[in-house]
Amino acid sequence: MTSNYAKAFRVVRATFGLQQAELAKRIGISPSQLCLIEKGRRQPSLRVIGSLASTMGIPSSLVTLLASHPDEIANQDISDLANALLRLLVSASGSQQEPLPLGE
């Protein structure tokens, strides 16, 4: 089963309210390359995935999770990712309280 990075990139872009050209510029690729990724005609390189994650301030594992088919993650321990996602959500909400790591 192939990961669906087209969906992941569209979700991230929509979440941050960016146009394709703006996101492409921020992550250092051409708008046409981003268009091909979002249409599923090209797979992004690890560099592009990493650039998307670092530029948007999200864990690269979240991008991978968004691109994953449910069957691919069915038996995976995703506690580290869940904790990173929780921290991201708390920081986005403006809350001053830092969440505790999972399992504490």
C-alpha atoms as a PDB file:
ATOM      1  CA  MET A   1       0.000   0.000   0.000  1.00  0.00           C
ATOM      2  CA  THR A   2       1.409   3.397  -0.967  1.00  0.00           C
ATOM      3  CA  SER A   3       1.291   6.371   1.358  1.00  0.00           C
ATOM      4  CA  ASN A   4      -0.962   9.178   0.219  1.00  0.00           C
ATOM      5  CA  TYR A   5       1.240  12.244   0.512  1.00  0.00           C
ATOM      6  CA  ALA A   6      -1.133  14.091  -1.822  1.00  0.00           C
ATOM      7  CA  LYS A   7      -3.735  14.055   0.931  1.00  0.00           C
ATOM      8  CA  ALA A   8      -1.203  14.923   3.625  1.00  0.00           C
ATOM      9  CA  PHE A   9       0.112  17.969   1.777  1.00  0.00           C
ATOM     10  CA  ARG A  10      -3.425  19.202   1.011  1.00  0.00           C
ATOM     11  CA  VAL A  11      -4.460  18.803   4.657  1.00  0.00           C
ATOM     12  CA  VAL A  12      -1.413  20.658   5.968  1.00  0.00           C
ATOM     13  CA  ARG A  13      -1.813  23.457   3.428  1.00  0.00           C
ATOM     14  CA  ALA A  14      -5.534  23.838   4.169  1.00  0.00           C
ATOM     15  CA  THR A  15      -4.936  23.770   7.924  1.00  0.00           C
ATOM     16  CA  PHE A  16      -2.591  26.728   7.649  1.00  0.00           C
ATOM     17  CA  GLY A  17      -4.785  28.508   5.085  1.00  0.00           C
ATOM     18  CA  LEU A  18      -2.116  28.751   2.396  1.00  0.00           C
ATOM     19  CA  GLN A  19      -2.347  28.859  -1.376  1.00  0.00           C
ATOM     20  CA  GLN A  20      -0.219  26.360  -3.311  1.00  0.00           C
ATOM     21  CA  ALA A  21       2.175  29.046  -4.534  1.00  0.00           C
ATOM     22  CA  GLU A  22       2.741  30.377  -1.020  1.00  0.00           C
ATOM     23  CA  LEU A  23       3.396  26.941   0.484  1.00  0.00           C
ATOM     24  CA  ALA A  24       5.654  25.965  -2.416  1.00  0.00           C
ATOM     25  CA  LYS A  25       7.757  29.086  -1.891  1.00  0.00           C
ATOM     26  CA  ARG A  26       8.013  28.447   1.849  1.00  0.00           C
ATOM     27  CA  ILE A  27       9.211  24.863   1.423  1.00  0.00           C
ATOM     28  CA  GLY A  28      11.532  25.602  -1.488  1.00  0.00           C
ATOM     29  CA  ILE A  29       9.833  23.862  -4.395  1.00  0.00           C
ATOM     30  CA  SER A  30       8.067  25.130  -7.495  1.00  0.00           C
ATOM     31  CA  PRO A  31       4.292  25.594  -7.468  1.00  0.00           C
ATOM     32  CA  SER A  32       4.042  23.073 -10.320  1.00  0.00           C
ATOM     33  CA  GLN A  33       5.926  20.476  -8.260  1.00  0.00           C
ATOM     34  CA  LEU A  34       3.579  21.018  -5.309  1.00  0.00           C
ATOM     35  CA  CYS A  35       0.599  20.750  -7.655  1.00  0.00           C
ATOM     36  CA  LEU A  36       1.878  17.379  -8.914  1.00  0.00           C
ATOM     37  CA  ILE A  37       2.402  16.160  -5.332  1.00  0.00           C
ATOM     38  CA  GLU A  38      -1.104  17.246  -4.311  1.00  0.00           C
ATOM     39  CA  LYS A  39      -2.610  15.526  -7.350  1.00  0.00           C
ATOM     40  CA  GLY A  40      -0.762  12.312  -6.469  1.00  0.00           C
ATOM     41  CA  ARG A  41       1.290  12.332  -9.662  1.00  0.00           C
ATOM     42  CA  ARG A  42       4.610  12.704  -7.810  1.00  0.00           C
ATOM     43  CA  GLN A  43       5.864  11.419  -4.472  1.00  0.00           C
ATOM     44  CA  PRO A  44       7.681  14.043  -2.403  1.00  0.00           C
ATOM     45  CA  SER A  45      11.302  13.405  -1.478  1.00  0.00           C
ATOM     46  CA  LEU A  46      12.292  13.031   2.169  1.00  0.00           C
ATOM     47  CA  ARG A  47      13.837  16.500   1.908  1.00  0.00           C
ATOM     48  CA  VAL A  48      10.529  18.007   0.781  1.00  0.00           C
ATOM     49  CA  ILE A  49       8.597  16.199   3.532  1.00  0.00           C
ATOM     50  CA  GLY A  50      11.134  17.429   6.089  1.00  0.00           C
ATOM     51  CA  SER A  51      10.961  20.952   4.712  1.00  0.00           C
ATOM     52  CA  LEU A  52       7.159  20.948   4.931  1.00  0.00           C
ATOM     53  CA  ALA A  53       7.312  19.767   8.531  1.00  0.00           C
ATOM     54  CA  SER A  54      10.013  22.169   9.703  1.00  0.00           C
ATOM     55  CA  THR A  55       8.566  25.155   7.858  1.00  0.00           C
ATOM     56  CA  MET A  56       5.096  24.591   9.301  1.00  0.00           C
ATOM     57  CA  GLY A  57       6.411  23.692  12.758  1.00  0.00           C
ATOM     58  CA  ILE A  58       4.917  20.213  12.819  1.00  0.00           C
ATOM     59  CA  PRO A  59       6.566  16.832  13.365  1.00  0.00           C
ATOM     60  CA  SER A  60       7.484  15.049  10.139  1.00  0.00           C
ATOM     61  CA  SER A  61       5.893  11.960  11.677  1.00  0.00           C
ATOM     62  CA  LEU A  62       2.576  13.833  11.605  1.00  0.00           C
ATOM     63  CA  VAL A  63       2.957  14.343   7.850  1.00  0.00           C
ATOM     64  CA  THR A  64       3.657  10.624   7.506  1.00  0.00           C
ATOM     65  CA  LEU A  65       0.662   9.780   9.689  1.00  0.00           C
ATOM     66  CA  LEU A  66      -1.587  11.974   7.544  1.00  0.00           C
ATOM     67  CA  ALA A  67      -0.300  10.144   4.465  1.00  0.00           C
ATOM     68  CA  SER A  68      -0.793   6.681   5.944  1.00  0.00           C
ATOM     69  CA  HIS A  69      -3.574   4.278   5.151  1.00  0.00           C
ATOM     70  CA  PRO A  70      -5.308   3.054   8.341  1.00  0.00           C
ATOM     71  CA  ASP A  71      -4.075  -0.508   7.707  1.00  0.00           C
ATOM     72  CA  GLU A  72      -0.470   0.733   7.734  1.00  0.00           C
ATOM     73  CA  ILE A  73      -0.690   2.048  11.299  1.00  0.00           C
ATOM     74  CA  ALA A  74      -3.112  -0.436  12.855  1.00  0.00           C
ATOM     75  CA  ASN A  75      -0.610  -2.063  15.218  1.00  0.00           C
ATOM     76  CA  GLN A  76       1.927   0.749  15.608  1.00  0.00           C
ATOM     77  CA  ASP A  77       2.803   2.471  18.862  1.00  0.00           C
ATOM     78  CA  ILE A  78       2.037   6.081  18.088  1.00  0.00           C
ATOM     79  CA  SER A  79       2.324   7.476  21.611  1.00  0.00           C
ATOM     80  CA  ASP A  80       5.282   9.739  20.717  1.00  0.00           C
ATOM     81  CA  LEU A  81       3.368  11.113  17.755  1.00  0.00           C
ATOM     82  CA  ALA A  82       0.205  11.543  19.807  1.00  0.00           C
ATOM     83  CA  ASN A  83       2.169  13.490  22.420  1.00  0.00           C
ATOM     84  CA  ALA A  84       3.740  15.724  19.740  1.00  0.00           C
ATOM     85  CA  LEU A  85       0.314  16.316  18.222  1.00  0.00           C
ATOM     86  CA  LEU A  86      -1.147  17.188  21.615  1.00  0.00           C
ATOM     87  CA  ARG A  87       1.669  19.681  22.222  1.00  0.00           C
ATOM     88  CA  LEU A  88       1.063  21.212  18.791  1.00  0.00           C
ATOM     89  CA  LEU A  89      -2.650  21.561  19.454  1.00  0.00           C
ATOM     90  CA  VAL A  90      -2.084  23.115  22.874  1.00  0.00           C
ATOM     91  CA  SER A  91       0.396  25.628  21.456  1.00  0.00           C
ATOM     92  CA  ALA A  92      -1.990  26.477  18.612  1.00  0.00           C
ATOM     93  CA  SER A  93      -4.800  27.121  21.078  1.00  0.00           C
ATOM     94  CA  GLY A  94      -2.633  29.600  22.970  1.00  0.00           C
ATOM     95  CA  SER A  95      -2.845  27.659  26.238  1.00  0.00           C
ATOM     96  CA  GLN A  96      -0.001  28.356  28.626  1.00  0.00           C
ATOM     97  CA  GLN A  97      -0.200  24.940  30.274  1.00  0.00           C
ATOM     98  CA  GLU A  98       2.224  22.355  28.900  1.00  0.00           C
ATOM     99  CA  PRO A  99       0.657  18.887  28.525  1.00  0.00           C
ATOM    100  CA  LEU A 100       2.252  15.999  30.363  1.00  0.00           C
ATOM    101  CA  PRO A 101       3.811  13.243  28.268  1.00  0.00           C
ATOM    102  CA  LEU A 102       1.505  10.302  27.676  1.00  0.00           C
ATOM    103  CA  GLY A 103       1.601   7.634  30.349  1.00  0.00           C
ATOM    104  CA  GLU A 104       2.330  10.028  33.241  1.00  0.00           C
END
